C-alpha atoms as a PDB file:
ATOM      1  CA  MET A   1       1.589  33.279   7.246  1.00  0.00           C
ATOM      2  CA  ILE A   2      -0.780  30.335   7.323  1.00  0.00           C
ATOM      3  CA  ALA A   3      -0.519  30.006  11.083  1.00  0.00           C
ATOM      4  CA  SER A   4      -1.765  33.576  11.547  1.00  0.00           C
ATOM      5  CA  THR A   5      -4.956  32.592   9.741  1.00  0.00           C
ATOM      6  CA  LEU A   6      -5.470  29.621  12.020  1.00  0.00           C
ATOM      7  CA  ALA A   7      -4.389  31.362  15.225  1.00  0.00           C
ATOM      8  CA  PRO A   8      -4.037  35.162  14.888  1.00  0.00           C
ATOM      9  CA  ALA A   9      -1.282  36.662  17.005  1.00  0.00           C
ATOM     10  CA  ASN A  10      -3.144  39.858  17.892  1.00  0.00           C
ATOM     11  CA  HIS A  11      -6.637  41.311  18.115  1.00  0.00           C
ATOM     12  CA  LYS A  12      -6.461  42.951  14.681  1.00  0.00           C
ATOM     13  CA  ASP A  13      -5.511  39.682  12.983  1.00  0.00           C
ATOM     14  CA  LYS A  14      -8.191  37.847  14.938  1.00  0.00           C
ATOM     15  CA  ASN A  15     -10.930  40.166  13.656  1.00  0.00           C
ATOM     16  CA  GLY A  16      -9.532  40.052  10.133  1.00  0.00           C
ATOM     17  CA  GLN A  17      -9.565  36.248   9.976  1.00  0.00           C
ATOM     18  CA  LYS A  18     -13.000  35.727  11.561  1.00  0.00           C
ATOM     19  CA  LEU A  19     -14.516  35.356   8.085  1.00  0.00           C
ATOM     20  CA  VAL A  20     -12.334  32.309   7.439  1.00  0.00           C
ATOM     21  CA  ARG A  21     -13.610  30.560  10.558  1.00  0.00           C
ATOM     22  CA  LYS A  22     -17.206  31.479   9.752  1.00  0.00           C
ATOM     23  CA  LYS A  23     -16.817  30.125   6.224  1.00  0.00           C
ATOM     24  CA  ALA A  24     -15.408  26.862   7.581  1.00  0.00           C
ATOM     25  CA  TYR A  25     -18.294  26.639  10.071  1.00  0.00           C
ATOM     26  CA  GLY A  26     -20.837  27.320   7.331  1.00  0.00           C
ATOM     27  CA  ASN A  27     -19.326  24.641   5.080  1.00  0.00           C
ATOM     28  CA  ILE A  28     -19.615  21.771   7.544  1.00  0.00           C
ATOM     29  CA  TYR A  29     -22.637  22.756   9.660  1.00  0.00           C
ATOM     30  CA  PRO A  30     -25.267  21.790   7.011  1.00  0.00           C
ATOM     31  CA  ASN A  31     -23.704  18.348   6.490  1.00  0.00           C
ATOM     32  CA  LYS A  32     -25.653  15.326   7.662  1.00  0.00           C
ATOM     33  CA  GLY A  33     -22.749  14.293   9.871  1.00  0.00           C
ATOM     34  CA  ALA A  34     -22.715  17.566  11.808  1.00  0.00           C
ATOM     35  CA  MET A  35     -24.729  15.995  14.609  1.00  0.00           C
ATOM     36  CA  THR A  36     -22.794  12.715  14.580  1.00  0.00           C
ATOM     37  CA  PRO A  37     -20.749  12.585  17.787  1.00  0.00           C
ATOM     38  CA  GLY A  38     -17.091  11.702  17.814  1.00  0.00           C
ATOM     39  CA  ALA A  39     -15.152   9.975  20.541  1.00  0.00           C
ATOM     40  CA  GLY A  40     -15.805  12.834  22.979  1.00  0.00           C
ATOM     41  CA  GLY A  41     -19.494  13.188  22.166  1.00  0.00           C
ATOM     42  CA  GLU A  42     -19.045  16.738  20.829  1.00  0.00           C
ATOM     43  CA  THR A  43     -21.441  17.875  18.059  1.00  0.00           C
ATOM     44  CA  ALA A  44     -22.322  21.088  16.213  1.00  0.00           C
ATOM     45  CA  ASP A  45     -24.929  22.173  18.768  1.00  0.00           C
ATOM     46  CA  GLY A  46     -22.240  22.457  21.431  1.00  0.00           C
ATOM     47  CA  MET A  47     -20.163  24.982  19.471  1.00  0.00           C
ATOM     48  CA  SER A  48     -20.103  28.702  20.292  1.00  0.00           C
ATOM     49  CA  GLU A  49     -18.001  31.806  19.715  1.00  0.00           C
ATOM     50  CA  GLY A  50     -16.402  31.276  23.095  1.00  0.00           C
ATOM     51  CA  LYS A  51     -15.507  27.694  22.223  1.00  0.00           C
ATOM     52  CA  ILE A  52     -13.972  28.826  18.930  1.00  0.00           C
ATOM     53  CA  ASP A  53     -11.951  31.523  20.705  1.00  0.00           C
ATOM     54  CA  GLN A  54     -10.724  28.884  23.156  1.00  0.00           C
ATOM     55  CA  ILE A  55      -9.564  26.652  20.282  1.00  0.00           C
ATOM     56  CA  ILE A  56      -7.781  29.606  18.649  1.00  0.00           C
ATOM     57  CA  GLU A  57      -6.016  30.467  21.895  1.00  0.00           C
ATOM     58  CA  LEU A  58      -4.812  26.858  22.254  1.00  0.00           C
ATOM     59  CA  MET A  59      -3.579  26.859  18.661  1.00  0.00           C
ATOM     60  CA  ARG A  60      -1.767  30.162  19.111  1.00  0.00           C
ATOM     61  CA  HIS A  61       0.311  28.589  21.862  1.00  0.00           C
ATOM     62  CA  GLU A  62       0.538  25.274  19.935  1.00  0.00           C
ATOM     63  CA  ARG A  63      -1.316  23.429  22.675  1.00  0.00           C
ATOM     64  CA  TYR A  64      -4.281  22.298  20.601  1.00  0.00           C
ATOM     65  CA  ARG A  65      -4.430  18.546  20.020  1.00  0.00           C
ATOM     66  CA  PHE A  66      -6.809  16.799  17.677  1.00  0.00           C
ATOM     67  CA  PRO A  67      -8.923  14.285  19.618  1.00  0.00           C
ATOM     68  CA  PRO A  68      -8.811  10.710  18.299  1.00  0.00           C
ATOM     69  CA  ALA A  69     -11.589   9.821  15.877  1.00  0.00           C
ATOM     70  CA  ARG A  70     -14.227   7.234  16.700  1.00  0.00           C
ATOM     71  CA  ARG A  71     -13.816   4.392  14.217  1.00  0.00           C
ATOM     72  CA  ILE A  72     -16.741   2.517  12.720  1.00  0.00           C
ATOM     73  CA  TYR A  73     -16.983   0.252   9.681  1.00  0.00           C
ATOM     74  CA  ILE A  74     -19.280   0.667   6.697  1.00  0.00           C
ATOM     75  CA  PRO A  75     -19.936  -1.985   4.019  1.00  0.00           C
ATOM     76  CA  LYS A  76     -18.327  -1.773   0.580  1.00  0.00           C
ATOM     77  CA  LYS A  77     -19.797  -2.967  -2.713  1.00  0.00           C
ATOM     78  CA  ASN A  78     -17.486  -5.989  -2.756  1.00  0.00           C
ATOM     79  CA  GLY A  79     -18.788  -7.187   0.615  1.00  0.00           C
ATOM     80  CA  LYS A  80     -15.783  -5.993   2.613  1.00  0.00           C
ATOM     81  CA  LEU A  81     -15.836  -3.304   5.288  1.00  0.00           C
ATOM     82  CA  ARG A  82     -14.318   0.163   5.004  1.00  0.00           C
ATOM     83  CA  PRO A  83     -13.016   1.892   8.170  1.00  0.00           C
ATOM     84  CA  LEU A  84     -14.510   5.321   8.754  1.00  0.00           C
ATOM     85  CA  GLY A  85     -13.309   7.836  11.333  1.00  0.00           C
ATOM     86  CA  LEU A  86     -15.789  10.133  13.084  1.00  0.00           C
ATOM     87  CA  PRO A  87     -13.921  13.138  14.544  1.00  0.00           C
ATOM     88  CA  ASP A  88     -15.285  15.513  17.160  1.00  0.00           C
ATOM     89  CA  TRP A  89     -16.813  18.776  15.979  1.00  0.00           C
ATOM     90  CA  SER A  90     -13.791  20.861  17.006  1.00  0.00           C
ATOM     91  CA  GLY A  91     -11.549  18.580  14.944  1.00  0.00           C
ATOM     92  CA  LYS A  92     -13.887  18.957  11.952  1.00  0.00           C
ATOM     93  CA  LEU A  93     -13.846  22.740  12.274  1.00  0.00           C
ATOM     94  CA  VAL A  94     -10.058  23.031  12.466  1.00  0.00           C
ATOM     95  CA  GLY A  95      -9.693  20.483   9.673  1.00  0.00           C
ATOM     96  CA  GLU A  96     -12.034  22.501   7.448  1.00  0.00           C
ATOM     97  CA  VAL A  97      -9.952  25.649   7.991  1.00  0.00           C
ATOM     98  CA  VAL A  98      -6.830  23.673   7.062  1.00  0.00           C
ATOM     99  CA  ARG A  99      -8.619  22.367   3.968  1.00  0.00           C
ATOM    100  CA  LEU A 100      -9.637  25.863   2.851  1.00  0.00           C
ATOM    101  CA  LEU A 101      -6.068  27.109   3.150  1.00  0.00           C
ATOM    102  CA  LEU A 102      -4.523  24.146   1.353  1.00  0.00           C
ATOM    103  CA  GLU A 103      -7.133  24.189  -1.406  1.00  0.00           C
ATOM    104  CA  ALA A 104      -6.652  27.913  -2.056  1.00  0.00           C
ATOM    105  CA  TYR A 105      -2.897  27.411  -2.372  1.00  0.00           C
ATOM    106  CA  TYR A 106      -2.598  24.087  -4.210  1.00  0.00           C
ATOM    107  CA  GLU A 107      -5.751  23.841  -6.361  1.00  0.00           C
ATOM    108  CA  PRO A 108      -4.509  26.212  -9.129  1.00  0.00           C
ATOM    109  CA  ALA A 109      -1.299  24.180  -9.464  1.00  0.00           C
ATOM    110  CA  PHE A 110      -2.940  20.764  -9.886  1.00  0.00           C
ATOM    111  CA  SER A 111      -2.931  19.087 -13.283  1.00  0.00           C
ATOM    112  CA  ASP A 112      -5.840  19.928 -15.571  1.00  0.00           C
ATOM    113  CA  ARG A 113      -6.121  16.184 -16.240  1.00  0.00           C
ATOM    114  CA  SER A 114      -6.753  15.357 -12.591  1.00  0.00           C
ATOM    115  CA  HIS A 115     -10.480  14.981 -11.872  1.00  0.00           C
ATOM    116  CA  GLY A 116     -10.659  13.036  -8.597  1.00  0.00           C
ATOM    117  CA  PHE A 117     -11.597  14.659  -5.266  1.00  0.00           C
ATOM    118  CA  ARG A 118     -11.637  18.177  -6.722  1.00  0.00           C
ATOM    119  CA  LYS A 119     -14.378  20.800  -6.527  1.00  0.00           C
ATOM    120  CA  GLY A 120     -16.404  20.961  -9.719  1.00  0.00           C
ATOM    121  CA  ARG A 121     -14.708  17.852 -11.144  1.00  0.00           C
ATOM    122  CA  GLY A 122     -15.468  14.174 -11.181  1.00  0.00           C
ATOM    123  CA  CYS A 123     -16.444  11.293 -13.432  1.00  0.00           C
ATOM    124  CA  HIS A 124     -18.540  13.391 -15.785  1.00  0.00           C
ATOM    125  CA  THR A 125     -15.903  16.056 -16.415  1.00  0.00           C
ATOM    126  CA  ALA A 126     -13.299  13.370 -17.048  1.00  0.00           C
ATOM    127  CA  LEU A 127     -15.558  11.466 -19.456  1.00  0.00           C
ATOM    128  CA  ARG A 128     -16.374  14.714 -21.246  1.00  0.00           C
ATOM    129  CA  GLU A 129     -12.667  15.395 -21.745  1.00  0.00           C
ATOM    130  CA  VAL A 130     -12.118  11.857 -23.044  1.00  0.00           C
ATOM    131  CA  ARG A 131     -15.028  12.269 -25.468  1.00  0.00           C
ATOM    132  CA  ASP A 132     -13.962  15.677 -26.765  1.00  0.00           C
ATOM    133  CA  ALA A 133     -10.170  15.496 -26.799  1.00  0.00           C
ATOM    134  CA  TRP A 134      -8.961  11.897 -26.642  1.00  0.00           C
ATOM    135  CA  THR A 135      -9.882  10.644 -30.068  1.00  0.00           C
ATOM    136  CA  GLY A 136      -8.292   7.472 -31.388  1.00  0.00           C
ATOM    137  CA  THR A 137      -7.525   5.941 -27.990  1.00  0.00           C
ATOM    138  CA  THR A 138      -6.896   2.201 -28.373  1.00  0.00           C
ATOM    139  CA  TRP A 139      -5.548   0.823 -25.100  1.00  0.00           C
ATOM    140  CA  PHE A 140      -6.400   1.671 -21.505  1.00  0.00           C
ATOM    141  CA  ILE A 141      -3.963   0.830 -18.706  1.00  0.00           C
ATOM    142  CA  GLU A 142      -5.710   0.822 -15.335  1.00  0.00           C
ATOM    143  CA  GLY A 143      -3.812   1.487 -12.132  1.00  0.00           C
ATOM    144  CA  ASP A 144      -5.137   1.445  -8.589  1.00  0.00           C
ATOM    145  CA  ILE A 145      -3.587   2.481  -5.301  1.00  0.00           C
ATOM    146  CA  SER A 146      -4.657  -0.120  -2.783  1.00  0.00           C
ATOM    147  CA  ASP A 147      -6.005   1.430   0.429  1.00  0.00           C
ATOM    148  CA  CYS A 148      -5.050   4.902  -0.782  1.00  0.00           C
ATOM    149  CA  TYR A 149      -6.195   6.876   2.274  1.00  0.00           C
ATOM    150  CA  GLY A 150      -4.732   4.365   4.696  1.00  0.00           C
ATOM    151  CA  SER A 151      -1.333   3.922   3.044  1.00  0.00           C
ATOM    152  CA  LEU A 152      -0.075   7.493   2.460  1.00  0.00           C
ATOM    153  CA  ASP A 153       3.279   7.924   4.156  1.00  0.00           C
ATOM    154  CA  HIS A 154       3.205  10.722   6.732  1.00  0.00           C
ATOM    155  CA  GLN A 155       6.820  11.733   6.301  1.00  0.00           C
ATOM    156  CA  ILE A 156       6.547  11.935   2.517  1.00  0.00           C
ATOM    157  CA  LEU A 157       3.337  13.948   2.757  1.00  0.00           C
ATOM    158  CA  LEU A 158       4.861  16.411   5.216  1.00  0.00           C
ATOM    159  CA  SER A 159       7.994  16.762   3.086  1.00  0.00           C
ATOM    160  CA  ILE A 160       5.812  17.556   0.050  1.00  0.00           C
ATOM    161  CA  LEU A 161       3.994  20.244   2.045  1.00  0.00           C
ATOM    162  CA  ALA A 162       7.305  21.626   3.308  1.00  0.00           C
ATOM    163  CA  GLU A 163       8.487  22.197  -0.271  1.00  0.00           C
ATOM    164  CA  LYS A 164       6.090  25.144  -0.614  1.00  0.00           C
ATOM    165  CA  ILE A 165       5.028  25.945   2.954  1.00  0.00           C
ATOM    166  CA  ASP A 166       7.614  27.513   5.242  1.00  0.00           C
ATOM    167  CA  ASP A 167       5.272  27.927   8.205  1.00  0.00           C
ATOM    168  CA  GLN A 168       6.536  25.353  10.696  1.00  0.00           C
ATOM    169  CA  ARG A 169       3.606  25.924  13.061  1.00  0.00           C
ATOM    170  CA  PHE A 170       1.184  24.942  10.337  1.00  0.00           C
ATOM    171  CA  LEU A 171       3.235  21.874   9.418  1.00  0.00           C
ATOM    172  CA  ARG A 172       3.313  20.785  13.059  1.00  0.00           C
ATOM    173  CA  LEU A 173      -0.465  21.212  13.209  1.00  0.00           C
ATOM    174  CA  VAL A 174      -0.885  18.938  10.164  1.00  0.00           C
ATOM    175  CA  ARG A 175       1.492  16.418  11.737  1.00  0.00           C
ATOM    176  CA  ASN A 176      -0.562  16.392  14.941  1.00  0.00           C
ATOM    177  CA  MET A 177      -3.711  15.853  12.903  1.00  0.00           C
ATOM    178  CA  LEU A 178      -2.185  12.879  11.073  1.00  0.00           C
ATOM    179  CA  LYS A 179      -0.968  11.368  14.356  1.00  0.00           C
ATOM    180  CA  ALA A 180      -4.226  11.900  16.267  1.00  0.00           C
ATOM    181  CA  GLY A 181      -5.076   8.194  16.275  1.00  0.00           C
ATOM    182  CA  TYR A 182      -8.496   6.590  16.582  1.00  0.00           C
ATOM    183  CA  LEU A 183     -10.680   4.811  19.124  1.00  0.00           C
ATOM    184  CA  GLU A 184     -12.012   1.345  18.381  1.00  0.00           C
ATOM    185  CA  ASP A 185     -13.970  -0.451  21.092  1.00  0.00           C
ATOM    186  CA  TRP A 186     -12.767   2.379  23.360  1.00  0.00           C
ATOM    187  CA  ILE A 187      -9.141   1.403  22.847  1.00  0.00           C
ATOM    188  CA  ARG A 188      -6.872   4.078  21.419  1.00  0.00           C
ATOM    189  CA  HIS A 189      -4.726   3.136  18.428  1.00  0.00           C
ATOM    190  CA  ASP A 190      -1.932   5.145  16.826  1.00  0.00           C
ATOM    191  CA  THR A 191      -2.126   6.103  13.147  1.00  0.00           C
ATOM    192  CA  LEU A 192       1.267   5.249  11.672  1.00  0.00           C
ATOM    193  CA  SER A 193       0.312   6.001   8.076  1.00  0.00           C
ATOM    194  CA  GLY A 194      -2.517   7.362   5.973  1.00  0.00           C
ATOM    195  CA  VAL A 195      -4.940  10.241   6.317  1.00  0.00           C
ATOM    196  CA  PRO A 196      -8.171  10.096   8.337  1.00  0.00           C
ATOM    197  CA  GLN A 197     -10.813   8.085   6.470  1.00  0.00           C
ATOM    198  CA  GLY A 198     -13.817  10.414   6.594  1.00  0.00           C
ATOM    199  CA  GLY A 199     -11.829  13.526   7.531  1.00  0.00           C
ATOM    200  CA  VAL A 200     -12.675  16.771   5.707  1.00  0.00           C
ATOM    201  CA  VAL A 201      -9.022  17.466   4.896  1.00  0.00           C
ATOM    202  CA  SER A 202      -8.175  13.981   3.608  1.00  0.00           C
ATOM    203  CA  PRO A 203      -9.205  14.533  -0.061  1.00  0.00           C
ATOM    204  CA  ILE A 204      -7.006  17.606  -0.541  1.00  0.00           C
ATOM    205  CA  LEU A 205      -4.079  15.903   1.219  1.00  0.00           C
ATOM    206  CA  SER A 206      -4.375  12.875  -1.077  1.00  0.00           C
ATOM    207  CA  CYS A 207      -4.523  15.187  -4.126  1.00  0.00           C
ATOM    208  CA  ILE A 208      -1.363  16.976  -2.968  1.00  0.00           C
ATOM    209  CA  TYR A 209       0.331  13.603  -2.460  1.00  0.00           C
ATOM    210  CA  LEU A 210      -0.756  12.228  -5.855  1.00  0.00           C
ATOM    211  CA  ASP A 211       0.099  15.457  -7.692  1.00  0.00           C
ATOM    212  CA  LYS A 212       3.691  14.228  -7.630  1.00  0.00           C
ATOM    213  CA  LEU A 213       2.512  11.214  -9.600  1.00  0.00           C
ATOM    214  CA  ASP A 214       0.713  13.472 -12.075  1.00  0.00           C
ATOM    215  CA  LYS A 215       3.866  15.473 -12.703  1.00  0.00           C
ATOM    216  CA  PHE A 216       5.938  12.286 -13.028  1.00  0.00           C
ATOM    217  CA  VAL A 217       3.563  10.865 -15.649  1.00  0.00           C
ATOM    218  CA  GLU A 218       3.217  14.075 -17.636  1.00  0.00           C
ATOM    219  CA  GLN A 219       6.841  15.203 -17.524  1.00  0.00           C
ATOM    220  CA  GLU A 220       8.747  11.906 -17.584  1.00  0.00           C
ATOM    221  CA  LEU A 221       6.699   8.840 -18.506  1.00  0.00           C
ATOM    222  CA  ILE A 222       4.814  10.299 -21.461  1.00  0.00           C
ATOM    223  CA  PRO A 223       7.850  11.810 -23.223  1.00  0.00           C
ATOM    224  CA  GLN A 224       9.812   8.629 -22.553  1.00  0.00           C
ATOM    225  CA  TYR A 225       7.256   6.023 -23.637  1.00  0.00           C
ATOM    226  CA  THR A 226       5.159   7.744 -26.309  1.00  0.00           C
ATOM    227  CA  ARG A 227       7.931   8.395 -28.806  1.00  0.00           C
ATOM    228  CA  GLY A 228       9.116   5.666 -31.153  1.00  0.00           C
ATOM    229  CA  ALA A 229      12.719   4.814 -32.027  1.00  0.00           C
ATOM    230  CA  SER A 230      12.354   6.545 -35.415  1.00  0.00           C
ATOM    231  CA  ARG A 231       9.929   9.001 -36.944  1.00  0.00           C
ATOM    232  CA  THR A 232       7.286   7.923 -39.426  1.00  0.00           C
ATOM    233  CA  LEU A 233       8.153   8.639 -43.049  1.00  0.00           C
ATOM    234  CA  ASN A 234       6.415  11.511 -44.753  1.00  0.00           C
ATOM    235  CA  PRO A 235       3.669   9.913 -46.951  1.00  0.00           C
ATOM    236  CA  GLU A 236       4.559  12.150 -49.893  1.00  0.00           C
ATOM    237  CA  TYR A 237       8.234  11.244 -49.541  1.00  0.00           C
ATOM    238  CA  ARG A 238       7.387   7.531 -49.407  1.00  0.00           C
ATOM    239  CA  GLU A 239       5.179   7.753 -52.510  1.00  0.00           C
ATOM    240  CA  THR A 240       7.821   9.674 -54.475  1.00  0.00           C
ATOM    241  CA  ALA A 241      10.517   7.191 -53.444  1.00  0.00           C
ATOM    242  CA  ASN A 242       8.359   4.291 -54.683  1.00  0.00           C
ATOM    243  CA  ARG A 243       7.788   6.002 -58.020  1.00  0.00           C
ATOM    244  CA  LEU A 244      11.530   6.659 -58.329  1.00  0.00           C
ATOM    245  CA  ARG A 245      12.301   3.017 -57.643  1.00  0.00           C
ATOM    246  CA  ASN A 246       9.793   1.891 -60.285  1.00  0.00           C
ATOM    247  CA  ALA A 247      11.183   4.362 -62.834  1.00  0.00           C
ATOM    248  CA  ARG A 248      14.710   3.014 -62.332  1.00  0.00           C
ATOM    249  CA  ARG A 249      13.449  -0.532 -62.767  1.00  0.00           C
ATOM    250  CA  ARG A 250      11.834   0.440 -66.082  1.00  0.00           C
ATOM    251  CA  GLY A 251      14.993   2.244 -67.164  1.00  0.00           C
ATOM    252  CA  ASP A 252      13.212   5.586 -67.519  1.00  0.00           C
ATOM    253  CA  ARG A 253      16.187   7.849 -66.756  1.00  0.00           C
ATOM    254  CA  ALA A 254      14.404  11.132 -67.488  1.00  0.00           C
ATOM    255  CA  GLN A 255      11.593  10.457 -65.018  1.00  0.00           C
ATOM    256  CA  ALA A 256      14.105   9.048 -62.515  1.00  0.00           C
ATOM    257  CA  ARG A 257      16.115  12.307 -62.621  1.00  0.00           C
ATOM    258  CA  GLU A 258      12.954  14.390 -62.206  1.00  0.00           C
ATOM    259  CA  LEU A 259      11.687  12.275 -59.309  1.00  0.00           C
ATOM    260  CA  GLY A 260      15.120  12.227 -57.666  1.00  0.00           C
ATOM    261  CA  LYS A 261      15.291  16.011 -57.796  1.00  0.00           C
ATOM    262  CA  ARG A 262      11.812  16.246 -56.305  1.00  0.00           C
ATOM    263  CA  LEU A 263      12.644  13.696 -53.620  1.00  0.00           C
ATOM    264  CA  ARG A 264      15.627  15.702 -52.435  1.00  0.00           C
ATOM    265  CA  GLY A 265      13.340  18.649 -51.728  1.00  0.00           C
ATOM    266  CA  LEU A 266      11.002  16.692 -49.478  1.00  0.00           C
ATOM    267  CA  PRO A 267      11.503  16.059 -45.731  1.00  0.00           C
ATOM    268  CA  SER A 268      11.743  12.315 -45.171  1.00  0.00           C
ATOM    269  CA  PRO A 269      10.136  12.056 -41.677  1.00  0.00           C
ATOM    270  CA  GLN A 270       6.930  13.672 -40.540  1.00  0.00           C
ATOM    271  CA  ARG A 271       7.432  16.701 -38.358  1.00  0.00           C
ATOM    272  CA  LYS A 272       5.414  15.109 -35.578  1.00  0.00           C
ATOM    273  CA  SER A 273       5.300  11.437 -34.797  1.00  0.00           C
ATOM    274  CA  TRP A 274       3.330   9.994 -31.892  1.00  0.00           C
ATOM    275  CA  PRO A 275       2.947   6.236 -32.202  1.00  0.00           C
ATOM    276  CA  ALA A 276       0.905   6.103 -29.018  1.00  0.00           C
ATOM    277  CA  ASN A 277      -2.312   7.568 -27.710  1.00  0.00           C
ATOM    278  CA  VAL A 278      -3.145   8.518 -24.169  1.00  0.00           C
ATOM    279  CA  GLY A 279      -6.444   8.129 -22.328  1.00  0.00           C
ATOM    280  CA  ALA A 280      -8.010   7.613 -18.889  1.00  0.00           C
ATOM    281  CA  GLN A 281      -9.452   5.051 -16.536  1.00  0.00           C
ATOM    282  CA  THR A 282     -11.684   4.898 -13.506  1.00  0.00           C
ATOM    283  CA  CYS A 283     -10.334   4.010 -10.122  1.00  0.00           C
ATOM    284  CA  GLY A 284     -11.748   3.870  -6.630  1.00  0.00           C
ATOM    285  CA  ARG A 285     -15.002   5.281  -5.213  1.00  0.00           C
ATOM    286  CA  GLY A 286     -16.440   5.995  -8.664  1.00  0.00           C
ATOM    287  CA  ASP A 287     -14.105   8.909  -9.408  1.00  0.00           C
ATOM    288  CA  LEU A 288     -11.969   9.080 -12.511  1.00  0.00           C
ATOM    289  CA  ARG A 289      -8.681   8.912 -10.773  1.00  0.00           C
ATOM    290  CA  PRO A 290      -5.131   8.013 -11.626  1.00  0.00           C
ATOM    291  CA  GLY A 291      -4.899   6.400 -15.084  1.00  0.00           C
ATOM    292  CA  ALA A 292      -3.099   6.438 -18.399  1.00  0.00           C
ATOM    293  CA  VAL A 293      -3.551   4.910 -21.797  1.00  0.00           C
ATOM    294  CA  VAL A 294      -1.189   3.989 -24.586  1.00  0.00           C
ATOM    295  CA  ASP A 295      -1.480   1.809 -27.619  1.00  0.00           C
ATOM    296  CA  ARG A 296       2.237   1.071 -27.926  1.00  0.00           C
ATOM    297  CA  PRO A 297       4.635   0.753 -26.370  1.00  0.00           C
ATOM    298  CA  ILE A 298       2.768  -0.346 -23.235  1.00  0.00           C
ATOM    299  CA  ILE A 299       4.350   1.123 -20.124  1.00  0.00           C
ATOM    300  CA  PRO A 300       6.290  -1.665 -18.394  1.00  0.00           C
ATOM    301  CA  ASN A 301       5.604  -2.392 -14.741  1.00  0.00           C
ATOM    302  CA  ALA A 302       2.629  -0.008 -14.766  1.00  0.00           C
ATOM    303  CA  ARG A 303       1.336  -1.387 -11.466  1.00  0.00           C
ATOM    304  CA  GLN A 304       4.576  -0.424  -9.742  1.00  0.00           C
ATOM    305  CA  HIS A 305       3.894   3.214 -10.561  1.00  0.00           C
ATOM    306  CA  GLY A 306       0.579   3.118  -8.681  1.00  0.00           C
ATOM    307  CA  GLY A 307      -2.448   4.748 -10.246  1.00  0.00           C
ATOM    308  CA  LEU A 308      -1.830   6.959 -13.244  1.00  0.00           C
ATOM    309  CA  ARG A 309      -4.090   9.994 -13.507  1.00  0.00           C
ATOM    310  CA  LEU A 310      -5.602  11.606 -16.535  1.00  0.00           C
ATOM    311  CA  VAL A 311      -2.916  12.843 -18.908  1.00  0.00           C
ATOM    312  CA  PRO A 312      -3.273  14.888 -22.099  1.00  0.00           C
ATOM    313  CA  PRO A 313      -3.471  13.490 -25.614  1.00  0.00           C
ATOM    314  CA  PRO A 314      -0.120  13.460 -27.411  1.00  0.00           C
ATOM    315  CA  SER A 315      -1.256  16.263 -29.731  1.00  0.00           C
ATOM    316  CA  GLN A 316      -1.240  18.604 -26.723  1.00  0.00           C
ATOM    317  CA  LEU A 317       2.205  17.610 -25.454  1.00  0.00           C
ATOM    318  CA  GLN A 318       4.703  19.956 -27.031  1.00  0.00           C
END
């Protein structure tokens, strides 16, 4: 059970899961933001084993509540401002444990063509795949999810998690984290949608959310839009048919019979016909994110599908 990892029910479980908490602590303690205070002023130097045990005890009885994040704004390249949430240290620690659990469970199931917000993946791995495997790409269709972190629907995200996670305590913990709210000018605001901008668990939650889009593109859009109405003629069949037509025009019956017999032994269409190629695009924060490429037919209403992630070349779709 996931909840037993977060809040062990007995002393034996508590000792067995201490490594998970230590790993989470070790992951976030070296970060530059470890000493950045949240709304409550709590930082890494105020954490102790006793404080961690207190958090675990609250979580075991489902009384732990994520404190609201302190919101600041940082400049973007286009001159606009991006909201950034600064959670307290206890919220970072619990969020990191949640991230470790979700990543261990979902990471192996993600698409191999997804390179955004994943450990060991990014722009360079995506470009390397495009260079090595996506030869002959002609058209790139770029899609972007506007305000991705701030627009994810909480109910949809929780329903996606509930498809594979039966632990209701864990799901309630994630719901409380999403609904924690934020402080701006010392006024608390509710978070009605989205994941915390700057939260340690936000990247994996967005990947889980967008994995549905990956599966939709790979399993439905590509088979539907990368196959023509008819298969391309076999080049040998087409050449033989032309020679047969010319022989009949010349009145050469002997050659026409020979070519006709040969023609009947040839398959008319090619065994594989893919009149479109697939590729990738870059989207948001410099990561190769959702994107797809075709040369024809172009996917209609591509913007309505949101961002399209990396998908395999047609030669690999069998």
